Amino acid sequence: MENIEIIPMDVDNPHVYIDINLLYSYKMDHLKGWLLFRGDKLNGIYTSKDAKLRVLSYFKGGTADNIIDPTPDKKWLKAKAKKLNLIIRSKIKTAIEITCPDIFKNDFNNLSQSEGWSKTLENVPAFTMQDINTYVNKINIIHNSKSKAIKKHFQRGEQFIEENYIDVNSVHTKQNDDLFSIKGVCAASLKKKDRWIFLILSKSTAEIKFGYCQCPAGKAGTCSHASEMGHR
């Protein structure tokens, strides 16, 4: 889709045009619209004068006719492709959707409640470092195969273990026929606020089915706090 070239004549929007000889007469919304069609991020534009100077720079640089489609659904690109009888194959960015199993959703939404939870480790799945690595690799592949961020979280989790960040008294378990859940509180490394961690394992395969931490990096369950809980 990005290889399809569009020109001002392909766009049915008056903001795509500016008469440089009448630049002084254009209002801010038109100026910004014109700039967006040139791929401008509008950084540093606070006044009409700022916008006009930015527009002028495109004309002086000879790039005033190099436009892009700023619409979220790429309506003008799609219209041009249709005229050219081209098929657009959209690139779909895969993102992980973390969903808690239905049977534990109420517990997940009320992490501090203790009803139905115990301290027993009876029937805990015999999951290993390999199971943790498998889950981490899975998330890495889905998010970004070249990313090292999650690997760093994992390494830092090992450091947290040595420093006893987990509040052992807060660790509780709950299970049904198929799943085993563990939750507990981990002290935050740089903040005063502690983090709840919530993990769900398969009792039959030891596969990590769900991981979550309240920290900003914990939605995929692979942050350093969740890694520490997994180690525990």
Protein backbone atom coordinates (compact mmCIF):
# COMPACT_ATOMS: atom_id res chain seq x y z
CA MET A 1 0.00 0.00 0.00
CA GLU A 2 2.88 2.38 0.79
CA ASN A 3 4.20 1.91 -2.78
CA ILE A 4 1.10 3.53 -4.27
CA GLU A 5 1.84 7.16 -5.01
CA ILE A 6 -0.92 9.69 -4.47
CA ILE A 7 -0.89 13.28 -5.70
CA PRO A 8 -3.07 16.23 -4.67
CA MET A 9 -5.48 15.47 -7.51
CA ASP A 10 -6.24 12.07 -5.91
CA VAL A 11 -7.53 13.70 -2.73
CA ASP A 12 -10.98 15.24 -2.43
CA ASN A 13 -10.08 17.50 0.46
CA PRO A 14 -9.40 21.25 0.11
CA HIS A 15 -6.71 21.11 2.80
CA VAL A 16 -4.43 19.30 0.37
CA TYR A 17 -4.02 22.54 -1.60
CA ILE A 18 -2.38 25.86 -0.72
CA ASP A 19 -1.67 28.75 -3.06
CA ILE A 20 1.72 29.95 -1.86
CA ASN A 21 0.94 33.45 -3.15
CA LEU A 22 -2.01 33.62 -0.76
CA LEU A 23 -0.28 31.94 2.19
CA TYR A 24 -1.06 34.86 4.50
CA SER A 25 -4.82 34.30 4.07
CA TYR A 26 -5.04 30.67 5.28
CA LYS A 27 -6.37 29.82 8.73
CA MET A 28 -4.68 27.50 11.19
CA ASP A 29 -6.86 24.42 10.54
CA HIS A 30 -6.17 24.58 6.80
CA LEU A 31 -2.44 25.03 7.34
CA LYS A 32 -2.28 22.08 9.72
CA GLY A 33 -4.34 19.94 7.36
CA TRP A 34 -1.96 20.73 4.51
CA LEU A 35 1.03 19.83 6.66
CA LEU A 36 -0.53 16.53 7.74
CA PHE A 37 -0.91 15.59 4.07
CA ARG A 38 2.87 16.06 3.80
CA GLY A 39 3.52 13.69 6.68
CA ASP A 40 4.35 16.49 9.11
CA LYS A 41 3.98 15.69 12.82
CA LEU A 42 3.17 19.34 13.64
CA ASN A 43 5.82 19.40 16.36
CA GLY A 44 6.66 22.94 17.44
CA ILE A 45 3.66 24.52 15.71
CA TYR A 46 1.81 26.69 18.20
CA THR A 47 0.78 29.72 16.17
CA SER A 48 -0.40 30.52 12.65
CA LYS A 49 3.01 32.05 11.99
CA ASP A 50 4.71 28.77 12.96
CA ALA A 51 2.45 26.86 10.56
CA LYS A 52 3.05 29.26 7.67
CA LEU A 53 6.80 29.10 8.10
CA ARG A 54 6.61 25.28 8.09
CA VAL A 55 4.50 25.31 4.92
CA LEU A 56 6.98 27.70 3.29
CA SER A 57 9.84 25.33 4.12
CA TYR A 58 8.17 22.56 2.10
CA PHE A 59 7.83 24.81 -0.93
CA LYS A 60 11.42 26.01 -0.64
CA GLY A 61 12.63 22.44 -0.22
CA GLY A 62 10.74 21.24 -3.30
CA THR A 63 8.68 18.68 -1.35
CA ALA A 64 5.31 20.44 -1.35
CA ASP A 65 3.87 17.87 -3.77
CA ASN A 66 5.11 14.83 -1.82
CA ILE A 67 1.99 13.87 0.07
CA ILE A 68 0.91 10.95 2.22
CA ASP A 69 -2.51 9.76 3.35
CA PRO A 70 -3.00 10.89 6.96
CA THR A 71 -6.40 9.21 7.42
CA PRO A 72 -6.52 6.28 9.88
CA ASP A 73 -8.15 3.97 7.32
CA LYS A 74 -6.01 5.22 4.40
CA LYS A 75 -9.12 6.16 2.41
CA TRP A 76 -7.26 8.07 -0.30
CA LEU A 77 -4.67 5.34 -0.81
CA LYS A 78 -7.45 2.78 -1.09
CA ALA A 79 -9.32 4.94 -3.59
CA LYS A 80 -6.17 5.31 -5.71
CA ALA A 81 -5.53 1.58 -5.54
CA LYS A 82 -9.06 0.90 -6.71
CA LYS A 83 -8.57 3.20 -9.70
CA LEU A 84 -5.39 1.31 -10.57
CA ASN A 85 -7.07 -2.09 -10.06
CA LEU A 86 -4.53 -2.97 -7.39
CA ILE A 87 -5.18 -5.26 -4.45
CA ILE A 88 -4.08 -3.89 -1.09
CA ARG A 89 -2.73 -6.47 1.31
CA SER A 90 -2.77 -4.86 4.72
CA LYS A 91 0.02 -5.60 7.13
CA ILE A 92 -1.53 -6.86 10.34
CA LYS A 93 0.41 -6.14 13.47
CA THR A 94 -0.06 -9.00 15.87
CA ALA A 95 -0.53 -8.13 19.53
CA ILE A 96 -1.05 -10.41 22.44
CA GLU A 97 -4.41 -10.28 24.11
CA ILE A 98 -4.08 -11.32 27.73
CA THR A 99 -7.30 -12.90 28.92
CA CYS A 100 -7.88 -14.42 32.29
CA PRO A 101 -9.76 -17.77 32.26
CA ASP A 102 -13.42 -17.19 33.10
CA ILE A 103 -13.33 -19.23 36.29
CA PHE A 104 -10.74 -16.88 37.81
CA LYS A 105 -11.99 -13.57 36.42
CA ASN A 106 -13.71 -12.55 39.66
CA ASP A 107 -10.51 -13.29 41.58
CA PHE A 108 -8.47 -11.38 39.04
CA ASN A 109 -10.73 -8.34 39.39
CA ASN A 110 -10.49 -8.50 43.20
CA LEU A 111 -6.88 -9.34 43.90
CA SER A 112 -6.90 -8.35 47.56
CA GLN A 113 -9.87 -10.52 48.57
CA SER A 114 -8.97 -13.80 50.33
CA GLU A 115 -12.19 -15.83 50.23
CA GLY A 116 -11.57 -19.24 48.69
CA TRP A 117 -7.80 -18.83 48.72
CA SER A 118 -5.38 -20.89 50.81
CA LYS A 119 -1.68 -21.33 51.58
CA THR A 120 -1.50 -24.90 50.32
CA LEU A 121 0.85 -25.95 47.56
CA GLU A 122 -0.85 -29.31 47.16
CA ASN A 123 -1.28 -30.18 43.46
CA VAL A 124 0.95 -27.31 42.36
CA PRO A 125 2.13 -28.09 38.81
CA ALA A 126 5.76 -29.16 38.58
CA PHE A 127 6.63 -26.34 36.22
CA THR A 128 10.28 -25.69 35.49
CA MET A 129 12.57 -22.96 34.25
CA GLN A 130 11.91 -24.32 30.77
CA ASP A 131 8.17 -23.63 31.14
CA ILE A 132 8.93 -20.06 32.19
CA ASN A 133 11.33 -19.65 29.27
CA THR A 134 8.74 -21.05 26.87
CA TYR A 135 6.20 -18.46 28.00
CA VAL A 136 8.74 -15.63 27.83
CA ASN A 137 9.80 -16.67 24.32
CA LYS A 138 6.19 -16.89 23.23
CA ILE A 139 5.49 -13.34 24.36
CA ASN A 140 8.74 -12.10 22.83
CA ILE A 141 7.85 -13.57 19.44
CA ILE A 142 4.36 -12.09 19.51
CA HIS A 143 5.51 -8.62 20.53
CA ASN A 144 8.88 -8.30 18.85
CA SER A 145 11.22 -11.12 17.98
CA LYS A 146 14.24 -8.80 18.28
CA SER A 147 13.26 -7.28 21.60
CA LYS A 148 15.51 -7.80 24.59
CA ALA A 149 13.26 -5.99 27.05
CA ILE A 150 11.49 -9.09 28.34
CA LYS A 151 14.79 -10.93 28.67
CA LYS A 152 16.01 -8.08 30.87
CA HIS A 153 12.86 -8.35 33.01
CA PHE A 154 13.58 -12.03 33.50
CA GLN A 155 17.16 -11.39 34.58
CA ARG A 156 16.10 -8.68 36.98
CA GLY A 157 13.53 -11.03 38.51
CA GLU A 158 16.41 -13.26 39.56
CA GLN A 159 17.96 -10.28 41.35
CA PHE A 160 14.68 -9.57 43.14
CA ILE A 161 14.65 -13.11 44.52
CA GLU A 162 17.98 -12.58 46.18
CA GLU A 163 16.71 -9.34 47.72
CA ASN A 164 13.46 -10.94 49.01
CA TYR A 165 11.04 -8.59 47.28
CA ILE A 166 8.14 -11.07 47.51
CA ASP A 167 5.90 -10.70 50.58
CA VAL A 168 5.65 -14.38 51.49
CA ASN A 169 2.64 -13.79 53.76
CA SER A 170 0.70 -12.42 50.78
CA VAL A 171 1.19 -15.51 48.61
CA HIS A 172 -1.98 -17.58 48.25
CA THR A 173 -3.20 -20.29 45.90
CA LYS A 174 -6.48 -21.41 44.42
CA GLN A 175 -7.30 -24.22 42.04
CA ASN A 176 -9.93 -26.18 40.16
CA ASP A 177 -9.74 -29.43 38.23
CA ASP A 178 -7.61 -28.00 35.43
CA LEU A 179 -5.92 -24.81 36.63
CA PHE A 180 -3.75 -23.72 39.52
CA SER A 181 -3.56 -20.02 40.41
CA ILE A 182 -0.97 -18.21 42.49
CA LYS A 183 -1.11 -14.60 43.63
CA GLY A 184 1.03 -12.45 45.86
CA VAL A 185 2.51 -9.01 46.46
CA CYS A 186 5.92 -7.95 45.22
CA ALA A 187 7.62 -4.77 46.38
CA ALA A 188 8.27 -2.32 43.58
CA SER A 189 11.94 -1.71 42.85
CA LEU A 190 11.81 2.05 42.27
CA LYS A 191 8.39 2.98 43.64
CA LYS A 192 6.81 2.89 47.07
CA LYS A 193 3.68 1.19 45.75
CA ASP A 194 3.67 -2.62 45.91
CA ARG A 195 2.43 -4.75 42.97
CA TRP A 196 -0.05 -7.61 42.94
CA ILE A 197 1.05 -10.52 40.75
CA PHE A 198 -1.37 -13.11 39.41
CA LEU A 199 -0.34 -16.35 37.65
CA ILE A 200 -2.38 -19.26 36.33
CA LEU A 201 -0.80 -22.61 35.42
CA SER A 202 -2.10 -25.75 33.76
CA LYS A 203 -2.10 -28.59 36.28
CA SER A 204 -1.67 -31.20 33.58
CA THR A 205 1.04 -29.60 31.45
CA ALA A 206 2.53 -26.92 33.77
CA GLU A 207 2.01 -24.43 30.93
CA ILE A 208 1.64 -20.81 32.03
CA LYS A 209 -1.87 -19.89 30.92
CA PHE A 210 -2.02 -16.35 32.25
CA GLY A 211 0.39 -13.89 33.80
CA TYR A 212 -0.24 -10.41 35.11
CA CYS A 213 1.37 -7.76 37.27
CA GLN A 214 0.04 -4.34 38.25
CA CYS A 215 3.20 -2.57 37.13
CA PRO A 216 3.17 -0.71 33.76
CA ALA A 217 5.25 -3.46 32.10
CA GLY A 218 3.29 -6.35 33.58
CA LYS A 219 0.28 -6.75 31.27
CA ALA A 220 1.90 -9.68 29.48
CA GLY A 221 2.99 -11.24 32.77
CA THR A 222 6.70 -11.18 31.90
CA CYS A 223 7.90 -8.20 33.92
CA SER A 224 10.61 -8.63 36.53
CA HIS A 225 8.05 -8.88 39.36
CA ALA A 226 6.10 -11.70 37.67
CA SER A 227 9.36 -13.43 36.78
CA GLU A 228 10.30 -13.44 40.43
CA MET A 229 6.96 -14.92 41.45
CA GLY A 230 7.41 -17.63 38.83
CA HIS A 231 10.82 -18.47 40.23
CA ARG A 232 9.35 -18.68 43.73
